[in-house]
């Protein structure tokens, strides 16, 4: 008897293939953003981190203009 968490091999292989496609797409988008000088944004434990075009990480939103307040 299978538990609700068991999946068959074909389903697992399809999920793994989709995960690989998604990971490749994300890497391609990140590289394009870097090439265009646009920060990549990541969330970790509820906090946002910005990877700036020079490769540094920051928690300060580079698009937040303090003069707009």
N, C-alpha and C. Protein backbone atom coordinates (compact mmCIF):
# COMPACT_ATOMS: atom_id res chain seq x y z
N UNK A 1 0.84 -1.19 0.00
CA UNK A 1 0.00 0.00 0.00
C UNK A 1 0.88 1.25 0.00
N UNK A 2 0.55 2.21 -0.83
CA UNK A 2 1.33 3.44 -0.92
C UNK A 2 0.78 4.49 0.03
N UNK A 3 1.71 5.25 0.61
CA UNK A 3 1.28 6.39 1.42
C UNK A 3 1.03 7.57 0.48
N UNK A 4 0.33 8.60 0.92
CA UNK A 4 0.05 9.76 0.05
C UNK A 4 1.31 10.47 -0.43
N UNK A 5 2.44 10.28 0.25
CA UNK A 5 3.68 10.95 -0.14
C UNK A 5 4.50 10.16 -1.15
N UNK A 6 4.13 8.92 -1.44
CA UNK A 6 4.85 8.10 -2.41
C UNK A 6 4.47 8.52 -3.82
N UNK A 7 5.46 8.62 -4.69
CA UNK A 7 5.19 8.91 -6.10
C UNK A 7 5.90 7.86 -6.95
N UNK A 8 5.36 7.61 -8.13
CA UNK A 8 5.99 6.61 -8.98
C UNK A 8 7.20 7.21 -9.68
N UNK A 9 8.01 6.35 -10.26
CA UNK A 9 9.26 6.76 -10.88
C UNK A 9 9.05 7.76 -12.01
N UNK A 10 8.05 7.53 -12.84
CA UNK A 10 7.80 8.44 -13.97
C UNK A 10 7.45 9.85 -13.49
N UNK A 11 6.64 9.95 -12.47
CA UNK A 11 6.28 11.26 -11.91
C UNK A 11 7.51 11.95 -11.34
N UNK A 12 8.35 11.20 -10.65
CA UNK A 12 9.58 11.75 -10.08
C UNK A 12 10.50 12.27 -11.19
N UNK A 13 10.65 11.49 -12.25
CA UNK A 13 11.51 11.89 -13.36
C UNK A 13 10.98 13.15 -14.06
N UNK A 14 9.67 13.24 -14.23
CA UNK A 14 9.07 14.44 -14.84
C UNK A 14 9.29 15.66 -13.95
N UNK A 15 9.12 15.48 -12.65
CA UNK A 15 9.34 16.59 -11.72
C UNK A 15 10.80 17.04 -11.75
N UNK A 16 11.71 16.08 -11.80
CA UNK A 16 13.14 16.42 -11.85
C UNK A 16 13.48 17.17 -13.14
N UNK A 17 12.89 16.76 -14.25
CA UNK A 17 13.12 17.43 -15.53
C UNK A 17 12.58 18.86 -15.50
N UNK A 18 11.40 19.05 -14.93
CA UNK A 18 10.84 20.40 -14.83
C UNK A 18 11.68 21.28 -13.91
N UNK A 19 12.18 20.71 -12.83
CA UNK A 19 13.04 21.47 -11.91
C UNK A 19 14.32 21.91 -12.63
N UNK A 20 14.90 21.04 -13.44
CA UNK A 20 16.09 21.38 -14.20
C UNK A 20 15.82 22.50 -15.20
N UNK A 21 14.70 22.42 -15.89
CA UNK A 21 14.32 23.48 -16.84
C UNK A 21 14.17 24.81 -16.11
N UNK A 22 13.50 24.79 -14.96
CA UNK A 22 13.31 26.01 -14.18
C UNK A 22 14.61 26.59 -13.68
N UNK A 23 15.50 25.74 -13.20
CA UNK A 23 16.80 26.21 -12.69
C UNK A 23 17.62 26.84 -13.80
N UNK A 24 17.60 26.24 -14.98
CA UNK A 24 18.33 26.81 -16.11
C UNK A 24 17.76 28.15 -16.52
N UNK A 25 16.44 28.27 -16.50
CA UNK A 25 15.79 29.53 -16.87
C UNK A 25 16.15 30.64 -15.88
N UNK A 26 16.19 30.29 -14.59
CA UNK A 26 16.54 31.28 -13.57
C UNK A 26 17.98 31.74 -13.76
N UNK A 27 18.91 30.79 -13.98
CA UNK A 27 20.31 31.17 -14.20
C UNK A 27 20.45 32.07 -15.43
N UNK A 28 19.72 31.75 -16.48
CA UNK A 28 19.78 32.56 -17.71
C UNK A 28 19.26 33.98 -17.43
N UNK A 29 18.16 34.09 -16.68
CA UNK A 29 17.60 35.40 -16.35
C UNK A 29 18.56 36.19 -15.46
N UNK A 30 19.21 35.52 -14.51
CA UNK A 30 20.17 36.20 -13.64
C UNK A 30 21.35 36.73 -14.46
N UNK A 31 21.86 35.93 -15.36
CA UNK A 31 22.98 36.38 -16.20
C UNK A 31 22.57 37.56 -17.08
N UNK A 32 21.36 37.52 -17.61
CA UNK A 32 20.89 38.64 -18.44
C UNK A 32 20.76 39.91 -17.60
N UNK A 33 20.26 39.78 -16.38
CA UNK A 33 20.15 40.95 -15.50
C UNK A 33 21.53 41.53 -15.20
N UNK A 34 22.49 40.66 -14.94
CA UNK A 34 23.85 41.14 -14.68
C UNK A 34 24.41 41.85 -15.90
N UNK A 35 24.19 41.27 -17.08
CA UNK A 35 24.70 41.88 -18.31
C UNK A 35 24.07 43.25 -18.54
N UNK A 36 22.80 43.41 -18.18
CA UNK A 36 22.10 44.68 -18.36
C UNK A 36 22.31 45.66 -17.21
N UNK A 37 22.99 45.22 -16.15
CA UNK A 37 23.24 46.09 -15.00
C UNK A 37 22.05 46.25 -14.08
N UNK A 38 21.16 45.27 -14.09
CA UNK A 38 19.96 45.31 -13.25
C UNK A 38 20.19 44.41 -12.04
N UNK A 39 19.90 44.88 -10.83
CA UNK A 39 20.11 44.05 -9.65
C UNK A 39 19.20 42.81 -9.65
N UNK A 40 19.73 41.69 -9.19
CA UNK A 40 18.92 40.50 -8.93
C UNK A 40 18.44 40.60 -7.49
N UNK A 41 17.20 40.21 -7.26
CA UNK A 41 16.61 40.31 -5.93
C UNK A 41 16.32 38.90 -5.42
N UNK A 42 16.72 38.64 -4.18
CA UNK A 42 16.52 37.34 -3.55
C UNK A 42 15.83 37.55 -2.21
N UNK A 43 15.00 36.58 -1.81
CA UNK A 43 14.37 36.59 -0.49
C UNK A 43 14.96 35.44 0.32
N UNK A 44 15.32 35.72 1.55
CA UNK A 44 15.84 34.70 2.46
C UNK A 44 15.34 34.99 3.85
N UNK A 45 14.64 34.05 4.43
CA UNK A 45 14.07 34.18 5.79
C UNK A 45 13.26 35.47 5.93
N UNK A 46 12.51 35.82 4.91
CA UNK A 46 11.64 36.99 4.98
C UNK A 46 12.32 38.31 4.71
N UNK A 47 13.60 38.30 4.39
CA UNK A 47 14.33 39.53 4.09
C UNK A 47 14.70 39.55 2.61
N UNK A 48 14.72 40.75 2.03
CA UNK A 48 15.13 40.90 0.64
C UNK A 48 16.60 41.27 0.56
N UNK A 49 17.28 40.66 -0.39
CA UNK A 49 18.69 40.95 -0.64
C UNK A 49 18.84 41.31 -2.11
N UNK A 50 19.63 42.30 -2.39
CA UNK A 50 19.84 42.78 -3.75
C UNK A 50 21.28 42.48 -4.15
N UNK A 51 21.44 41.76 -5.25
CA UNK A 51 22.76 41.53 -5.81
C UNK A 51 23.00 42.64 -6.82
N UNK A 52 23.89 43.55 -6.48
CA UNK A 52 24.14 44.71 -7.31
C UNK A 52 24.98 44.33 -8.53
N UNK A 53 24.98 45.17 -9.55
CA UNK A 53 25.73 44.84 -10.77
C UNK A 53 27.22 44.54 -10.54
N UNK A 54 27.82 45.09 -9.48
CA UNK A 54 29.23 44.80 -9.21
C UNK A 54 29.42 43.50 -8.43
N UNK A 55 28.31 42.79 -8.13
CA UNK A 55 28.38 41.50 -7.45
C UNK A 55 28.19 41.55 -5.95
N UNK A 56 28.16 42.74 -5.36
CA UNK A 56 27.97 42.84 -3.92
C UNK A 56 26.50 42.62 -3.56
N UNK A 57 26.27 42.18 -2.33
CA UNK A 57 24.92 42.00 -1.82
C UNK A 57 24.58 43.15 -0.89
N UNK A 58 23.32 43.58 -0.94
CA UNK A 58 22.88 44.69 -0.10
C UNK A 58 21.45 44.42 0.35
N UNK A 59 21.09 44.95 1.51
CA UNK A 59 19.70 44.89 1.96
C UNK A 59 18.98 46.20 1.65
N UNK A 60 19.71 47.17 1.10
CA UNK A 60 19.13 48.47 0.76
C UNK A 60 18.60 48.41 -0.68
N UNK A 61 17.33 48.76 -0.83
CA UNK A 61 16.69 48.75 -2.15
C UNK A 61 17.34 49.79 -3.05
N UNK A 62 17.99 49.38 -4.13
CA UNK A 62 18.66 50.36 -5.00
C UNK A 62 17.68 51.21 -5.79
N UNK A 63 16.42 50.82 -5.83
CA UNK A 63 15.41 51.58 -6.56
C UNK A 63 14.65 52.55 -5.67
N UNK A 64 14.87 52.47 -4.35
CA UNK A 64 14.17 53.35 -3.41
C UNK A 64 14.83 54.72 -3.43
N UNK A 65 14.12 55.69 -3.93
CA UNK A 65 14.63 57.06 -4.00
C UNK A 65 14.12 57.83 -2.80
N UNK A 66 14.99 58.18 -1.84
CA UNK A 66 14.52 58.88 -0.62
C UNK A 66 13.90 60.23 -0.92
N UNK A 67 14.17 60.81 -2.09
CA UNK A 67 13.57 62.11 -2.42
C UNK A 67 12.10 61.97 -2.80
N UNK A 68 11.62 60.72 -3.02
CA UNK A 68 10.22 60.52 -3.36
C UNK A 68 9.31 60.50 -2.15
N UNK A 69 9.86 60.57 -0.96
CA UNK A 69 9.03 60.48 0.26
C UNK A 69 8.46 61.80 0.64
